[in-house]
Amino acid sequence: MLYPTRSSTTRRDTLALVELFAGVSRMRILSSPKVVQRAELVARRIVDTYLEPNKTFLELREMANSGSIDLLRDFSETCRAEFESLRAQF
């Protein structure tokens, strides 16, 4: 996932954040509390990223090597576990 660059907040940025949190809200209808919790964490990390200074290429490489650049890993693994659990019931 690419980290957003820090710049002035634009209308497009604001709409993207509204869509992000709307997506999390839709997950509350059908997903388990654990999946929703992971989605909320991703959303907060995305917002926090906007507040951080821009990363250098070397910092991004270090993040890629350590795995910390993958904001969706825990969320996707939690979704996979839920999917497997539901599939096992049928």
PDB file of N, CA and C in Angstrom:
ATOM      1  N   MET A   1       0.842  -1.157   0.000  1.00  0.00           N
ATOM      2  CA  MET A   1       0.000   0.000   0.000  1.00  0.00           C
ATOM      3  C   MET A   1       0.897   1.232   0.000  1.00  0.00           C
ATOM      4  N   LEU A   2       0.565   2.175  -0.787  1.00  0.00           N
ATOM      5  CA  LEU A   2       1.340   3.403  -0.829  1.00  0.00           C
ATOM      6  C   LEU A   2       0.908   4.337   0.282  1.00  0.00           C
ATOM      7  N   TYR A   3       1.877   4.947   0.895  1.00  0.00           N
ATOM      8  CA  TYR A   3       1.586   5.936   1.912  1.00  0.00           C
ATOM      9  C   TYR A   3       1.276   7.262   1.248  1.00  0.00           C
ATOM     10  N   PRO A   4       0.259   7.945   1.699  1.00  0.00           N
ATOM     11  CA  PRO A   4      -0.052   9.248   1.103  1.00  0.00           C
ATOM     12  C   PRO A   4       1.020  10.260   1.477  1.00  0.00           C
ATOM     13  N   THR A   5       1.226  11.216   0.621  1.00  0.00           N
ATOM     14  CA  THR A   5       2.172  12.272   0.946  1.00  0.00           C
ATOM     15  C   THR A   5       1.465  13.343   1.751  1.00  0.00           C
ATOM     16  N   ARG A   6       2.233  14.000   2.570  1.00  0.00           N
ATOM     17  CA  ARG A   6       1.647  15.057   3.393  1.00  0.00           C
ATOM     18  C   ARG A   6       1.520  16.308   2.546  1.00  0.00           C
ATOM     19  N   SER A   7       0.344  16.777   2.436  1.00  0.00           N
ATOM     20  CA  SER A   7       0.087  18.002   1.695  1.00  0.00           C
ATOM     21  C   SER A   7      -1.167  18.625   2.276  1.00  0.00           C
ATOM     22  N   SER A   8      -1.552  19.744   1.732  1.00  0.00           N
ATOM     23  CA  SER A   8      -2.777  20.344   2.231  1.00  0.00           C
ATOM     24  C   SER A   8      -3.946  19.411   1.922  1.00  0.00           C
ATOM     25  N   THR A   9      -4.862  19.362   2.843  1.00  0.00           N
ATOM     26  CA  THR A   9      -6.024  18.493   2.660  1.00  0.00           C
ATOM     27  C   THR A   9      -6.892  19.064   1.559  1.00  0.00           C
ATOM     28  N   THR A  10      -7.212  18.212   0.619  1.00  0.00           N
ATOM     29  CA  THR A  10      -8.053  18.632  -0.486  1.00  0.00           C
ATOM     30  C   THR A  10      -9.442  18.035  -0.325  1.00  0.00           C
ATOM     31  N   ARG A  11     -10.334  18.523  -1.132  1.00  0.00           N
ATOM     32  CA  ARG A  11     -11.699  17.974  -1.136  1.00  0.00           C
ATOM     33  C   ARG A  11     -11.661  16.484  -1.465  1.00  0.00           C
ATOM     34  N   ARG A  12     -10.800  16.105  -2.403  1.00  0.00           N
ATOM     35  CA  ARG A  12     -10.679  14.695  -2.775  1.00  0.00           C
ATOM     36  C   ARG A  12     -10.211  13.854  -1.588  1.00  0.00           C
ATOM     37  N   ASP A  13      -9.247  14.386  -0.823  1.00  0.00           N
ATOM     38  CA  ASP A  13      -8.772  13.671   0.364  1.00  0.00           C
ATOM     39  C   ASP A  13      -9.903  13.478   1.369  1.00  0.00           C
ATOM     40  N   THR A  14     -10.654  14.534   1.585  1.00  0.00           N
ATOM     41  CA  THR A  14     -11.756  14.481   2.531  1.00  0.00           C
ATOM     42  C   THR A  14     -12.803  13.469   2.085  1.00  0.00           C
ATOM     43  N   LEU A  15     -13.142  13.479   0.814  1.00  0.00           N
ATOM     44  CA  LEU A  15     -14.114  12.500   0.300  1.00  0.00           C
ATOM     45  C   LEU A  15     -13.593  11.077   0.431  1.00  0.00           C
ATOM     46  N   ALA A  16     -12.301  10.884   0.190  1.00  0.00           N
ATOM     47  CA  ALA A  16     -11.710   9.547   0.321  1.00  0.00           C
ATOM     48  C   ALA A  16     -11.797   9.060   1.767  1.00  0.00           C
ATOM     49  N   LEU A  17     -11.568   9.947   2.716  1.00  0.00           N
ATOM     50  CA  LEU A  17     -11.676   9.560   4.126  1.00  0.00           C
ATOM     51  C   LEU A  17     -13.119   9.259   4.519  1.00  0.00           C
ATOM     52  N   VAL A  18     -14.056  10.039   4.005  1.00  0.00           N
ATOM     53  CA  VAL A  18     -15.469   9.762   4.273  1.00  0.00           C
ATOM     54  C   VAL A  18     -15.840   8.383   3.716  1.00  0.00           C
ATOM     55  N   GLU A  19     -15.388   8.084   2.509  1.00  0.00           N
ATOM     56  CA  GLU A  19     -15.656   6.774   1.903  1.00  0.00           C
ATOM     57  C   GLU A  19     -15.010   5.650   2.712  1.00  0.00           C
ATOM     58  N   LEU A  20     -13.792   5.896   3.204  1.00  0.00           N
ATOM     59  CA  LEU A  20     -13.100   4.898   4.019  1.00  0.00           C
ATOM     60  C   LEU A  20     -13.917   4.563   5.263  1.00  0.00           C
ATOM     61  N   PHE A  21     -14.347   5.591   5.991  1.00  0.00           N
ATOM     62  CA  PHE A  21     -15.109   5.342   7.212  1.00  0.00           C
ATOM     63  C   PHE A  21     -16.520   4.824   6.915  1.00  0.00           C
ATOM     64  N   ALA A  22     -17.081   5.183   5.778  1.00  0.00           N
ATOM     65  CA  ALA A  22     -18.372   4.612   5.379  1.00  0.00           C
ATOM     66  C   ALA A  22     -18.224   3.112   5.109  1.00  0.00           C
ATOM     67  N   GLY A  23     -17.107   2.728   4.496  1.00  0.00           N
ATOM     68  CA  GLY A  23     -16.844   1.304   4.254  1.00  0.00           C
ATOM     69  C   GLY A  23     -16.725   0.530   5.558  1.00  0.00           C
ATOM     70  N   VAL A  24     -16.045   1.114   6.522  1.00  0.00           N
ATOM     71  CA  VAL A  24     -15.932   0.469   7.836  1.00  0.00           C
ATOM     72  C   VAL A  24     -17.313   0.334   8.467  1.00  0.00           C
ATOM     73  N   SER A  25     -18.124   1.351   8.345  1.00  0.00           N
ATOM     74  CA  SER A  25     -19.485   1.282   8.900  1.00  0.00           C
ATOM     75  C   SER A  25     -20.308   0.186   8.238  1.00  0.00           C
ATOM     76  N   ARG A  26     -20.160   0.027   6.928  1.00  0.00           N
ATOM     77  CA  ARG A  26     -20.878  -1.061   6.231  1.00  0.00           C
ATOM     78  C   ARG A  26     -20.412  -2.428   6.738  1.00  0.00           C
ATOM     79  N   MET A  27     -19.138  -2.538   7.078  1.00  0.00           N
ATOM     80  CA  MET A  27     -18.617  -3.813   7.601  1.00  0.00           C
ATOM     81  C   MET A  27     -19.276  -4.185   8.920  1.00  0.00           C
ATOM     82  N   ARG A  28     -19.678  -3.195   9.683  1.00  0.00           N
ATOM     83  CA  ARG A  28     -20.317  -3.458  10.980  1.00  0.00           C
ATOM     84  C   ARG A  28     -21.613  -4.253  10.827  1.00  0.00           C
ATOM     85  N   ILE A  29     -22.225  -4.185   9.661  1.00  0.00           N
ATOM     86  CA  ILE A  29     -23.494  -4.878   9.422  1.00  0.00           C
ATOM     87  C   ILE A  29     -23.289  -6.385   9.300  1.00  0.00           C
ATOM     88  N   LEU A  30     -22.247  -6.799   8.566  1.00  0.00           N
ATOM     89  CA  LEU A  30     -22.084  -8.214   8.246  1.00  0.00           C
ATOM     90  C   LEU A  30     -20.848  -8.885   8.838  1.00  0.00           C
ATOM     91  N   SER A  31     -19.865  -8.107   9.219  1.00  0.00           N
ATOM     92  CA  SER A  31     -18.592  -8.685   9.655  1.00  0.00           C
ATOM     93  C   SER A  31     -18.560  -8.884  11.167  1.00  0.00           C
ATOM     94  N   SER A  32     -17.650  -9.743  11.555  1.00  0.00           N
ATOM     95  CA  SER A  32     -17.480 -10.002  12.985  1.00  0.00           C
ATOM     96  C   SER A  32     -16.854  -8.787  13.664  1.00  0.00           C
ATOM     97  N   PRO A  33     -17.019  -8.685  14.976  1.00  0.00           N
ATOM     98  CA  PRO A  33     -16.391  -7.578  15.695  1.00  0.00           C
ATOM     99  C   PRO A  33     -14.874  -7.521  15.495  1.00  0.00           C
ATOM    100  N   LYS A  34     -14.239  -8.668  15.365  1.00  0.00           N
ATOM    101  CA  LYS A  34     -12.784  -8.689  15.178  1.00  0.00           C
ATOM    102  C   LYS A  34     -12.395  -8.082  13.828  1.00  0.00           C
ATOM    103  N   VAL A  35     -13.141  -8.403  12.776  1.00  0.00           N
ATOM    104  CA  VAL A  35     -12.874  -7.825  11.455  1.00  0.00           C
ATOM    105  C   VAL A  35     -13.094  -6.321  11.493  1.00  0.00           C
ATOM    106  N   VAL A  36     -14.170  -5.882  12.129  1.00  0.00           N
ATOM    107  CA  VAL A  36     -14.453  -4.448  12.238  1.00  0.00           C
ATOM    108  C   VAL A  36     -13.342  -3.751  13.016  1.00  0.00           C
ATOM    109  N   GLN A  37     -12.895  -4.381  14.085  1.00  0.00           N
ATOM    110  CA  GLN A  37     -11.806  -3.804  14.879  1.00  0.00           C
ATOM    111  C   GLN A  37     -10.549  -3.613  14.030  1.00  0.00           C
ATOM    112  N   ARG A  38     -10.208  -4.604  13.224  1.00  0.00           N
ATOM    113  CA  ARG A  38      -9.029  -4.499  12.345  1.00  0.00           C
ATOM    114  C   ARG A  38      -9.232  -3.419  11.286  1.00  0.00           C
ATOM    115  N   ALA A  39     -10.450  -3.300  10.763  1.00  0.00           N
ATOM    116  CA  ALA A  39     -10.733  -2.269   9.761  1.00  0.00           C
ATOM    117  C   ALA A  39     -10.612  -0.878  10.374  1.00  0.00           C
ATOM    118  N   GLU A  40     -11.108  -0.730  11.586  1.00  0.00           N
ATOM    119  CA  GLU A  40     -10.990   0.563  12.272  1.00  0.00           C
ATOM    120  C   GLU A  40      -9.529   0.922  12.510  1.00  0.00           C
ATOM    121  N   LEU A  41      -8.725  -0.057  12.842  1.00  0.00           N
ATOM    122  CA  LEU A  41      -7.296   0.183  13.052  1.00  0.00           C
ATOM    123  C   LEU A  41      -6.623   0.656  11.766  1.00  0.00           C
ATOM    124  N   VAL A  42      -6.956   0.028  10.647  1.00  0.00           N
ATOM    125  CA  VAL A  42      -6.405   0.444   9.351  1.00  0.00           C
ATOM    126  C   VAL A  42      -6.817   1.880   9.050  1.00  0.00           C
ATOM    127  N   ALA A  43      -8.082   2.197   9.271  1.00  0.00           N
ATOM    128  CA  ALA A  43      -8.562   3.552   9.003  1.00  0.00           C
ATOM    129  C   ALA A  43      -7.813   4.571   9.858  1.00  0.00           C
ATOM    130  N   ARG A  44      -7.613   4.258  11.137  1.00  0.00           N
ATOM    131  CA  ARG A  44      -6.869   5.181  12.007  1.00  0.00           C
ATOM    132  C   ARG A  44      -5.421   5.328  11.549  1.00  0.00           C
ATOM    133  N   ARG A  45      -4.809   4.235  11.112  1.00  0.00           N
ATOM    134  CA  ARG A  45      -3.428   4.304  10.630  1.00  0.00           C
ATOM    135  C   ARG A  45      -3.327   5.165   9.376  1.00  0.00           C
ATOM    136  N   ILE A  46      -4.312   5.071   8.509  1.00  0.00           N
ATOM    137  CA  ILE A  46      -4.315   5.889   7.294  1.00  0.00           C
ATOM    138  C   ILE A  46      -4.412   7.364   7.661  1.00  0.00           C
ATOM    139  N   VAL A  47      -5.309   7.687   8.579  1.00  0.00           N
ATOM    140  CA  VAL A  47      -5.443   9.079   9.007  1.00  0.00           C
ATOM    141  C   VAL A  47      -4.149   9.550   9.665  1.00  0.00           C
ATOM    142  N   ASP A  48      -3.574   8.724  10.528  1.00  0.00           N
ATOM    143  CA  ASP A  48      -2.313   9.090  11.192  1.00  0.00           C
ATOM    144  C   ASP A  48      -1.196   9.331  10.186  1.00  0.00           C
ATOM    145  N   THR A  49      -1.205   8.573   9.095  1.00  0.00           N
ATOM    146  CA  THR A  49      -0.172   8.720   8.073  1.00  0.00           C
ATOM    147  C   THR A  49      -0.211  10.106   7.446  1.00  0.00           C
ATOM    148  N   TYR A  50      -1.390  10.655   7.291  1.00  0.00           N
ATOM    149  CA  TYR A  50      -1.514  12.007   6.743  1.00  0.00           C
ATOM    150  C   TYR A  50      -0.815  13.044   7.617  1.00  0.00           C
ATOM    151  N   LEU A  51      -0.726  12.760   8.913  1.00  0.00           N
ATOM    152  CA  LEU A  51      -0.140  13.706   9.849  1.00  0.00           C
ATOM    153  C   LEU A  51       1.374  13.559   9.987  1.00  0.00           C
ATOM    154  N   GLU A  52       1.913  12.469   9.458  1.00  0.00           N
ATOM    155  CA  GLU A  52       3.350  12.234   9.550  1.00  0.00           C
ATOM    156  C   GLU A  52       4.091  12.983   8.447  1.00  0.00           C
ATOM    157  N   PRO A  53       5.364  13.276   8.689  1.00  0.00           N
ATOM    158  CA  PRO A  53       6.167  13.879   7.613  1.00  0.00           C
ATOM    159  C   PRO A  53       6.356  12.875   6.475  1.00  0.00           C
ATOM    160  N   ASN A  54       6.640  13.382   5.298  1.00  0.00           N
ATOM    161  CA  ASN A  54       6.894  12.508   4.159  1.00  0.00           C
ATOM    162  C   ASN A  54       8.045  11.570   4.457  1.00  0.00           C
ATOM    163  N   LYS A  55       7.957  10.374   3.933  1.00  0.00           N
ATOM    164  CA  LYS A  55       9.010   9.371   4.097  1.00  0.00           C
ATOM    165  C   LYS A  55      10.006   9.496   2.954  1.00  0.00           C
ATOM    166  N   THR A  56      11.271   9.253   3.275  1.00  0.00           N
ATOM    167  CA  THR A  56      12.285   9.180   2.219  1.00  0.00           C
ATOM    168  C   THR A  56      12.206   7.807   1.586  1.00  0.00           C
ATOM    169  N   PHE A  57      12.837   7.648   0.443  1.00  0.00           N
ATOM    170  CA  PHE A  57      12.841   6.341  -0.203  1.00  0.00           C
ATOM    171  C   PHE A  57      13.507   5.298   0.691  1.00  0.00           C
ATOM    172  N   LEU A  58      14.575   5.678   1.377  1.00  0.00           N
ATOM    173  CA  LEU A  58      15.247   4.736   2.283  1.00  0.00           C
ATOM    174  C   LEU A  58      14.332   4.316   3.428  1.00  0.00           C
ATOM    175  N   GLU A  59      13.571   5.256   3.961  1.00  0.00           N
ATOM    176  CA  GLU A  59      12.624   4.912   5.023  1.00  0.00           C
ATOM    177  C   GLU A  59      11.546   3.965   4.508  1.00  0.00           C
ATOM    178  N   LEU A  60      11.071   4.226   3.294  1.00  0.00           N
ATOM    179  CA  LEU A  60      10.065   3.330   2.701  1.00  0.00           C
ATOM    180  C   LEU A  60      10.630   1.934   2.475  1.00  0.00           C
ATOM    181  N   ARG A  61      11.876   1.866   2.043  1.00  0.00           N
ATOM    182  CA  ARG A  61      12.516   0.552   1.844  1.00  0.00           C
ATOM    183  C   ARG A  61      12.618  -0.191   3.168  1.00  0.00           C
ATOM    184  N   GLU A  62      13.021   0.509   4.228  1.00  0.00           N
ATOM    185  CA  GLU A  62      13.111  -0.119   5.547  1.00  0.00           C
ATOM    186  C   GLU A  62      11.742  -0.609   6.009  1.00  0.00           C
ATOM    187  N   MET A  63      10.722   0.196   5.753  1.00  0.00           N
ATOM    188  CA  MET A  63       9.366  -0.204   6.123  1.00  0.00           C
ATOM    189  C   MET A  63       8.926  -1.431   5.323  1.00  0.00           C
ATOM    190  N   ALA A  64       9.269  -1.469   4.051  1.00  0.00           N
ATOM    191  CA  ALA A  64       8.921  -2.624   3.218  1.00  0.00           C
ATOM    192  C   ALA A  64       9.643  -3.870   3.716  1.00  0.00           C
ATOM    193  N   ASN A  65      10.909  -3.721   4.060  1.00  0.00           N
ATOM    194  CA  ASN A  65      11.694  -4.863   4.541  1.00  0.00           C
ATOM    195  C   ASN A  65      11.191  -5.377   5.879  1.00  0.00           C
ATOM    196  N   SER A  66      10.727  -4.480   6.739  1.00  0.00           N
ATOM    197  CA  SER A  66      10.245  -4.893   8.061  1.00  0.00           C
ATOM    198  C   SER A  66       8.783  -5.352   8.036  1.00  0.00           C
ATOM    199  N   GLY A  67       8.077  -5.041   6.939  1.00  0.00           N
ATOM    200  CA  GLY A  67       6.670  -5.412   6.832  1.00  0.00           C
ATOM    201  C   GLY A  67       5.723  -4.361   7.384  1.00  0.00           C
ATOM    202  N   SER A  68       6.268  -3.289   7.934  1.00  0.00           N
ATOM    203  CA  SER A  68       5.396  -2.279   8.538  1.00  0.00           C
ATOM    204  C   SER A  68       4.667  -1.420   7.515  1.00  0.00           C
ATOM    205  N   ILE A  69       5.055  -1.508   6.259  1.00  0.00           N
ATOM    206  CA  ILE A  69       4.391  -0.724   5.218  1.00  0.00           C
ATOM    207  C   ILE A  69       3.044  -1.336   4.829  1.00  0.00           C
ATOM    208  N   ASP A  70       2.854  -2.605   5.159  1.00  0.00           N
ATOM    209  CA  ASP A  70       1.633  -3.316   4.789  1.00  0.00           C
ATOM    210  C   ASP A  70       0.548  -3.076   5.828  1.00  0.00           C
ATOM    211  N   LEU A  71      -0.199  -2.000   5.653  1.00  0.00           N
ATOM    212  CA  LEU A  71      -1.237  -1.634   6.615  1.00  0.00           C
ATOM    213  C   LEU A  71      -2.408  -2.618   6.636  1.00  0.00           C
ATOM    214  N   LEU A  72      -2.568  -3.386   5.586  1.00  0.00           N
ATOM    215  CA  LEU A  72      -3.736  -4.259   5.469  1.00  0.00           C
ATOM    216  C   LEU A  72      -3.482  -5.703   5.898  1.00  0.00           C
ATOM    217  N   ARG A  73      -2.258  -6.040   6.257  1.00  0.00           N
ATOM    218  CA  ARG A  73      -1.919  -7.436   6.546  1.00  0.00           C
ATOM    219  C   ARG A  73      -2.800  -8.028   7.653  1.00  0.00           C
ATOM    220  N   ASP A  74      -2.836  -7.407   8.830  1.00  0.00           N
ATOM    221  CA  ASP A  74      -3.644  -7.945   9.928  1.00  0.00           C
ATOM    222  C   ASP A  74      -5.121  -8.019   9.551  1.00  0.00           C
ATOM    223  N   PHE A  75      -5.597  -6.978   8.876  1.00  0.00           N
ATOM    224  CA  PHE A  75      -6.996  -6.955   8.444  1.00  0.00           C
ATOM    225  C   PHE A  75      -7.287  -8.110   7.488  1.00  0.00           C
ATOM    226  N   SER A  76      -6.442  -8.288   6.482  1.00  0.00           N
ATOM    227  CA  SER A  76      -6.700  -9.338   5.495  1.00  0.00           C
ATOM    228  C   SER A  76      -6.568 -10.727   6.111  1.00  0.00           C
ATOM    229  N   GLU A  77      -5.644 -10.912   7.040  1.00  0.00           N
ATOM    230  CA  GLU A  77      -5.512 -12.213   7.700  1.00  0.00           C
ATOM    231  C   GLU A  77      -6.730 -12.505   8.578  1.00  0.00           C
ATOM    232  N   THR A  78      -7.260 -11.480   9.220  1.00  0.00           N
ATOM    233  CA  THR A  78      -8.465 -11.646  10.034  1.00  0.00           C
ATOM    234  C   THR A  78      -9.669 -11.973   9.153  1.00  0.00           C
ATOM    235  N   CYS A  79      -9.766 -11.311   8.009  1.00  0.00           N
ATOM    236  CA  CYS A  79     -10.839 -11.612   7.052  1.00  0.00           C
ATOM    237  C   CYS A  79     -10.726 -13.042   6.544  1.00  0.00           C
ATOM    238  N   ARG A  80      -9.516 -13.471   6.237  1.00  0.00           N
ATOM    239  CA  ARG A  80      -9.299 -14.842   5.743  1.00  0.00           C
ATOM    240  C   ARG A  80      -9.729 -15.854   6.801  1.00  0.00           C
ATOM    241  N   ALA A  81      -9.363 -15.619   8.058  1.00  0.00           N
ATOM    242  CA  ALA A  81      -9.747 -16.534   9.136  1.00  0.00           C
ATOM    243  C   ALA A  81     -11.261 -16.599   9.289  1.00  0.00           C
ATOM    244  N   GLU A  82     -11.929 -15.439   9.186  1.00  0.00           N
ATOM    245  CA  GLU A  82     -13.380 -15.430   9.283  1.00  0.00           C
ATOM    246  C   GLU A  82     -14.005 -16.180   8.103  1.00  0.00           C
ATOM    247  N   PHE A  83     -13.473 -15.962   6.921  1.00  0.00           N
ATOM    248  CA  PHE A  83     -13.976 -16.638   5.735  1.00  0.00           C
ATOM    249  C   PHE A  83     -13.830 -18.159   5.889  1.00  0.00           C
ATOM    250  N   GLU A  84     -12.669 -18.599   6.346  1.00  0.00           N
ATOM    251  CA  GLU A  84     -12.430 -20.037   6.523  1.00  0.00           C
ATOM    252  C   GLU A  84     -13.370 -20.622   7.577  1.00  0.00           C
ATOM    253  N   SER A  85     -13.615 -19.857   8.630  1.00  0.00           N
ATOM    254  CA  SER A  85     -14.527 -20.307   9.678  1.00  0.00           C
ATOM    255  C   SER A  85     -15.946 -20.459   9.145  1.00  0.00           C
ATOM    256  N   LEU A  86     -16.395 -19.494   8.357  1.00  0.00           N
ATOM    257  CA  LEU A  86     -17.736 -19.570   7.780  1.00  0.00           C
ATOM    258  C   LEU A  86     -17.837 -20.711   6.765  1.00  0.00           C
ATOM    259  N   ARG A  87     -16.781 -20.880   5.972  1.00  0.00           N
ATOM    260  CA  ARG A  87     -16.779 -21.946   4.959  1.00  0.00           C
ATOM    261  C   ARG A  87     -16.833 -23.314   5.616  1.00  0.00           C
ATOM    262  N   ALA A  88     -16.192 -23.464   6.759  1.00  0.00           N
ATOM    263  CA  ALA A  88     -16.187 -24.750   7.466  1.00  0.00           C
ATOM    264  C   ALA A  88     -17.567 -25.107   8.009  1.00  0.00           C
ATOM    265  N   GLN A  89     -18.418 -24.126   8.199  1.00  0.00           N
ATOM    266  CA  GLN A  89     -19.763 -24.382   8.720  1.00  0.00           C
ATOM    267  C   GLN A  89     -20.692 -24.971   7.669  1.00  0.00           C
ATOM    268  N   PHE A  90     -20.312 -24.853   6.398  1.00  0.00           N
ATOM    269  CA  PHE A  90     -21.206 -25.345   5.328  1.00  0.00           C
ATOM    270  C   PHE A  90     -20.665 -26.515   4.647  1.00  0.00           C
TER     271      PHE A  90
END
